[in-house]
Amino acid sequence: MNYWLYKDKKIYTIEDFPKDTYGFVYITVHEPTGKAYIGKKSLYHNIKKKLTKKELAEQTGRGRKSTTTTIQKESDWKNYYGSAKPIVELIKQGKQNDFIRKILCLVPTKKLLTYYECKYLFKHEVLETPEDWFNDNILGKFYSKDFASID
């Protein structure tokens, strides 16, 4: 499956997103088991690139000269299924067709992307029902193992 579903529409390319989209919150469902994963994905990421000798020589102005420039590049969102180890292993085994990938919401900023990811993780109680979810933590602060002692 080389597309994402958003409101029953298939998303194949970056042009399929509204112009102001920074990223999205998604759910990946493993159909054979019903287990799911909620995460966030940015559409772009920044890469630092060293300047060439010619570019360095063209710099004008006073003060310290920059030796790098930042380039914005499209992320791997098209082929991304999630960062949970079990999902990564299944994808390595070529089991992409066992998954359904749905976009829950589109987000215009990096800060809101983190907010909405957390909102969906808490809303779906992913840490309290680990048998249903691949997620085992939220923000690296809250863990499913913390709920093991609560009845």
C-alpha atoms as a PDB file:
ATOM      1  CA  MET A   1       0.000   0.000   0.000  1.00  0.00           C
ATOM      2  CA  ASN A   2       1.695   3.171  -1.131  1.00  0.00           C
ATOM      3  CA  TYR A   3      -0.931   5.667  -0.045  1.00  0.00           C
ATOM      4  CA  TRP A   4      -2.482   7.142   3.081  1.00  0.00           C
ATOM      5  CA  LEU A   5      -6.228   7.435   3.689  1.00  0.00           C
ATOM      6  CA  TYR A   6      -7.614  10.779   4.825  1.00  0.00           C
ATOM      7  CA  LYS A   7     -11.393  11.140   5.109  1.00  0.00           C
ATOM      8  CA  ASP A   8     -11.838   8.219   2.668  1.00  0.00           C
ATOM      9  CA  LYS A   9      -9.554   9.915   0.108  1.00  0.00           C
ATOM     10  CA  LYS A  10      -6.257   8.354  -0.958  1.00  0.00           C
ATOM     11  CA  ILE A  11      -3.171  10.549  -0.534  1.00  0.00           C
ATOM     12  CA  TYR A  12      -0.330   9.646  -2.901  1.00  0.00           C
ATOM     13  CA  THR A  13       1.767  12.795  -3.305  1.00  0.00           C
ATOM     14  CA  ILE A  14       2.745  15.890  -1.340  1.00  0.00           C
ATOM     15  CA  GLU A  15       0.512  17.920  -3.673  1.00  0.00           C
ATOM     16  CA  ASP A  16      -2.536  16.075  -2.270  1.00  0.00           C
ATOM     17  CA  PHE A  17      -2.124  17.959   1.046  1.00  0.00           C
ATOM     18  CA  PRO A  18      -3.443  21.484   1.665  1.00  0.00           C
ATOM     19  CA  LYS A  19      -0.715  24.140   1.245  1.00  0.00           C
ATOM     20  CA  ASP A  20      -0.378  24.976   4.968  1.00  0.00           C
ATOM     21  CA  THR A  21       0.179  21.379   6.129  1.00  0.00           C
ATOM     22  CA  TYR A  22       3.311  20.873   8.249  1.00  0.00           C
ATOM     23  CA  GLY A  23       2.543  17.240   9.079  1.00  0.00           C
ATOM     24  CA  PHE A  24      -0.131  14.835  10.217  1.00  0.00           C
ATOM     25  CA  VAL A  25      -1.171  12.551  13.044  1.00  0.00           C
ATOM     26  CA  TYR A  26      -1.870   9.013  11.870  1.00  0.00           C
ATOM     27  CA  ILE A  27      -2.997   5.580  12.919  1.00  0.00           C
ATOM     28  CA  THR A  28      -1.453   2.445  11.438  1.00  0.00           C
ATOM     29  CA  VAL A  29      -3.528  -0.715  11.931  1.00  0.00           C
ATOM     30  CA  HIS A  30      -2.075  -4.212  11.578  1.00  0.00           C
ATOM     31  CA  GLU A  31      -5.079  -6.022  10.085  1.00  0.00           C
ATOM     32  CA  PRO A  32      -4.161  -9.618  11.072  1.00  0.00           C
ATOM     33  CA  THR A  33      -3.959  -8.739  14.794  1.00  0.00           C
ATOM     34  CA  GLY A  34      -6.005  -5.537  15.027  1.00  0.00           C
ATOM     35  CA  LYS A  35      -3.163  -3.855  16.931  1.00  0.00           C
ATOM     36  CA  ALA A  36      -2.616  -0.235  16.053  1.00  0.00           C
ATOM     37  CA  TYR A  37      -0.068   2.559  16.386  1.00  0.00           C
ATOM     38  CA  ILE A  38      -0.697   6.287  16.655  1.00  0.00           C
ATOM     39  CA  GLY A  39       2.072   8.668  15.660  1.00  0.00           C
ATOM     40  CA  LYS A  40       2.979  11.916  13.946  1.00  0.00           C
ATOM     41  CA  LYS A  41       4.845  12.593  10.732  1.00  0.00           C
ATOM     42  CA  SER A  42       6.298  15.790   9.304  1.00  0.00           C
ATOM     43  CA  LEU A  43       6.099  16.247   5.542  1.00  0.00           C
ATOM     44  CA  TYR A  44       9.512  17.936   5.398  1.00  0.00           C
ATOM     45  CA  HIS A  45      12.753  17.895   7.335  1.00  0.00           C
ATOM     46  CA  ASN A  46      15.769  20.171   7.318  1.00  0.00           C
ATOM     47  CA  ILE A  47      19.212  18.995   6.273  1.00  0.00           C
ATOM     48  CA  LYS A  48      22.453  20.898   6.870  1.00  0.00           C
ATOM     49  CA  LYS A  49      24.657  20.989   3.789  1.00  0.00           C
ATOM     50  CA  LYS A  50      28.270  22.133   3.694  1.00  0.00           C
ATOM     51  CA  LEU A  51      28.905  25.092   1.453  1.00  0.00           C
ATOM     52  CA  THR A  52      31.271  24.669  -1.487  1.00  0.00           C
ATOM     53  CA  LYS A  53      34.469  26.720  -1.757  1.00  0.00           C
ATOM     54  CA  LYS A  54      32.771  28.903  -4.356  1.00  0.00           C
ATOM     55  CA  GLU A  55      29.737  29.513  -2.109  1.00  0.00           C
ATOM     56  CA  LEU A  56      32.035  30.340   0.828  1.00  0.00           C
ATOM     57  CA  ALA A  57      33.976  32.832  -1.320  1.00  0.00           C
ATOM     58  CA  GLU A  58      30.716  34.535  -2.383  1.00  0.00           C
ATOM     59  CA  GLN A  59      29.758  35.345   1.213  1.00  0.00           C
ATOM     60  CA  THR A  60      29.920  39.027   2.027  1.00  0.00           C
ATOM     61  CA  GLY A  61      29.445  40.968   5.215  1.00  0.00           C
ATOM     62  CA  ARG A  62      31.163  41.175   8.523  1.00  0.00           C
ATOM     63  CA  GLY A  63      31.491  38.658  11.263  1.00  0.00           C
ATOM     64  CA  ARG A  64      31.809  34.937  11.182  1.00  0.00           C
ATOM     65  CA  LYS A  65      30.952  33.242   7.898  1.00  0.00           C
ATOM     66  CA  SER A  66      28.571  30.310   7.873  1.00  0.00           C
ATOM     67  CA  THR A  67      30.014  27.055   6.541  1.00  0.00           C
ATOM     68  CA  THR A  68      26.644  25.335   6.086  1.00  0.00           C
ATOM     69  CA  THR A  69      23.231  26.050   4.655  1.00  0.00           C
ATOM     70  CA  THR A  70      19.890  24.498   5.562  1.00  0.00           C
ATOM     71  CA  ILE A  71      17.933  22.719   2.853  1.00  0.00           C
ATOM     72  CA  GLN A  72      14.332  21.602   3.288  1.00  0.00           C
ATOM     73  CA  LYS A  73      13.685  18.128   1.884  1.00  0.00           C
ATOM     74  CA  GLU A  74      10.545  16.005   1.650  1.00  0.00           C
ATOM     75  CA  SER A  75      10.478  13.379   4.412  1.00  0.00           C
ATOM     76  CA  ASP A  76       9.907   9.647   3.956  1.00  0.00           C
ATOM     77  CA  TRP A  77       6.183  10.034   4.781  1.00  0.00           C
ATOM     78  CA  LYS A  78       5.082   8.014   1.717  1.00  0.00           C
ATOM     79  CA  ASN A  79       6.787   4.818   2.906  1.00  0.00           C
ATOM     80  CA  TYR A  80       6.425   5.350   6.655  1.00  0.00           C
ATOM     81  CA  TYR A  81       4.382   3.004   8.859  1.00  0.00           C
ATOM     82  CA  GLY A  82       5.563   3.902  12.369  1.00  0.00           C
ATOM     83  CA  SER A  83       8.583   3.679  14.620  1.00  0.00           C
ATOM     84  CA  ALA A  84       7.449   0.859  16.938  1.00  0.00           C
ATOM     85  CA  LYS A  85       9.930  -2.031  16.743  1.00  0.00           C
ATOM     86  CA  PRO A  86       7.287  -4.690  15.890  1.00  0.00           C
ATOM     87  CA  ILE A  87       6.042  -2.554  12.977  1.00  0.00           C
ATOM     88  CA  VAL A  88       9.566  -1.907  11.698  1.00  0.00           C
ATOM     89  CA  GLU A  89      10.285  -5.665  11.801  1.00  0.00           C
ATOM     90  CA  LEU A  90       7.094  -6.520   9.889  1.00  0.00           C
ATOM     91  CA  ILE A  91       7.906  -3.909   7.234  1.00  0.00           C
ATOM     92  CA  LYS A  92      11.447  -5.336   6.881  1.00  0.00           C
ATOM     93  CA  GLN A  93       9.796  -8.714   6.214  1.00  0.00           C
ATOM     94  CA  GLY A  94       7.786  -7.143   3.379  1.00  0.00           C
ATOM     95  CA  LYS A  95       4.434  -7.188   5.172  1.00  0.00           C
ATOM     96  CA  GLN A  96       3.340  -3.667   4.154  1.00  0.00           C
ATOM     97  CA  ASN A  97       0.045  -5.031   2.798  1.00  0.00           C
ATOM     98  CA  ASP A  98      -0.921  -6.191   6.309  1.00  0.00           C
ATOM     99  CA  PHE A  99      -1.349  -2.533   7.346  1.00  0.00           C
ATOM    100  CA  ILE A 100      -3.900   0.203   6.810  1.00  0.00           C
ATOM    101  CA  ARG A 101      -2.565   3.747   7.220  1.00  0.00           C
ATOM    102  CA  LYS A 102      -5.049   6.506   8.050  1.00  0.00           C
ATOM    103  CA  ILE A 103      -4.447  10.186   8.665  1.00  0.00           C
ATOM    104  CA  LEU A 104      -6.382  11.359  11.727  1.00  0.00           C
ATOM    105  CA  CYS A 105      -5.694  15.084  11.311  1.00  0.00           C
ATOM    106  CA  LEU A 106      -3.598  17.500   9.284  1.00  0.00           C
ATOM    107  CA  VAL A 107      -1.579  20.040  11.263  1.00  0.00           C
ATOM    108  CA  PRO A 108      -0.054  23.416  10.259  1.00  0.00           C
ATOM    109  CA  THR A 109       2.832  23.690  12.799  1.00  0.00           C
ATOM    110  CA  LYS A 110       5.438  21.557  14.557  1.00  0.00           C
ATOM    111  CA  LYS A 111       4.133  22.489  18.014  1.00  0.00           C
ATOM    112  CA  LEU A 112       0.543  21.561  17.181  1.00  0.00           C
ATOM    113  CA  LEU A 113       1.748  18.303  15.647  1.00  0.00           C
ATOM    114  CA  THR A 114       3.078  17.197  19.028  1.00  0.00           C
ATOM    115  CA  TYR A 115      -0.072  18.449  20.783  1.00  0.00           C
ATOM    116  CA  TYR A 116      -2.462  16.527  18.524  1.00  0.00           C
ATOM    117  CA  GLU A 117      -0.371  13.357  18.674  1.00  0.00           C
ATOM    118  CA  CYS A 118      -0.566  13.467  22.486  1.00  0.00           C
ATOM    119  CA  LYS A 119      -4.267  14.262  22.367  1.00  0.00           C
ATOM    120  CA  TYR A 120      -5.031  11.161  20.267  1.00  0.00           C
ATOM    121  CA  LEU A 121      -2.716   8.944  22.338  1.00  0.00           C
ATOM    122  CA  PHE A 122      -4.443   9.925  25.582  1.00  0.00           C
ATOM    123  CA  LYS A 123      -7.923   9.874  24.026  1.00  0.00           C
ATOM    124  CA  HIS A 124      -7.441   6.285  22.859  1.00  0.00           C
ATOM    125  CA  GLU A 125      -5.838   5.251  26.179  1.00  0.00           C
ATOM    126  CA  VAL A 126      -2.968   3.561  24.362  1.00  0.00           C
ATOM    127  CA  LEU A 127      -0.923   3.041  27.535  1.00  0.00           C
ATOM    128  CA  GLU A 128      -3.822   1.614  29.521  1.00  0.00           C
ATOM    129  CA  THR A 129      -4.730  -0.981  26.898  1.00  0.00           C
ATOM    130  CA  PRO A 130      -1.339  -2.288  25.665  1.00  0.00           C
ATOM    131  CA  GLU A 131      -2.919  -5.407  24.187  1.00  0.00           C
ATOM    132  CA  ASP A 132      -4.518  -3.180  21.510  1.00  0.00           C
ATOM    133  CA  TRP A 133      -1.602  -0.842  20.771  1.00  0.00           C
ATOM    134  CA  PHE A 134       2.012  -0.910  19.622  1.00  0.00           C
ATOM    135  CA  ASN A 135       2.613   2.415  21.434  1.00  0.00           C
ATOM    136  CA  ASP A 136       4.401   1.886  24.754  1.00  0.00           C
ATOM    137  CA  ASN A 137       5.076   5.486  25.776  1.00  0.00           C
ATOM    138  CA  ILE A 138       3.954   9.081  25.328  1.00  0.00           C
ATOM    139  CA  LEU A 139       6.655  11.740  24.985  1.00  0.00           C
ATOM    140  CA  GLY A 140       9.155   9.424  26.655  1.00  0.00           C
ATOM    141  CA  LYS A 141       7.549  10.383  29.976  1.00  0.00           C
ATOM    142  CA  PHE A 142       4.542   8.128  30.337  1.00  0.00           C
ATOM    143  CA  TYR A 143       4.918   4.363  29.835  1.00  0.00           C
ATOM    144  CA  SER A 144       2.478   1.465  29.539  1.00  0.00           C
ATOM    145  CA  LYS A 145       4.553  -0.476  32.106  1.00  0.00           C
ATOM    146  CA  ASP A 146       3.601   2.187  34.692  1.00  0.00           C
ATOM    147  CA  PHE A 147      -0.004   0.977  34.502  1.00  0.00           C
ATOM    148  CA  ALA A 148       0.855  -2.684  35.174  1.00  0.00           C
ATOM    149  CA  SER A 149       0.531  -2.226  38.940  1.00  0.00           C
ATOM    150  CA  ILE A 150      -2.881  -0.519  38.750  1.00  0.00           C
ATOM    151  CA  ASP A 151      -6.041  -2.617  38.916  1.00  0.00           C
END
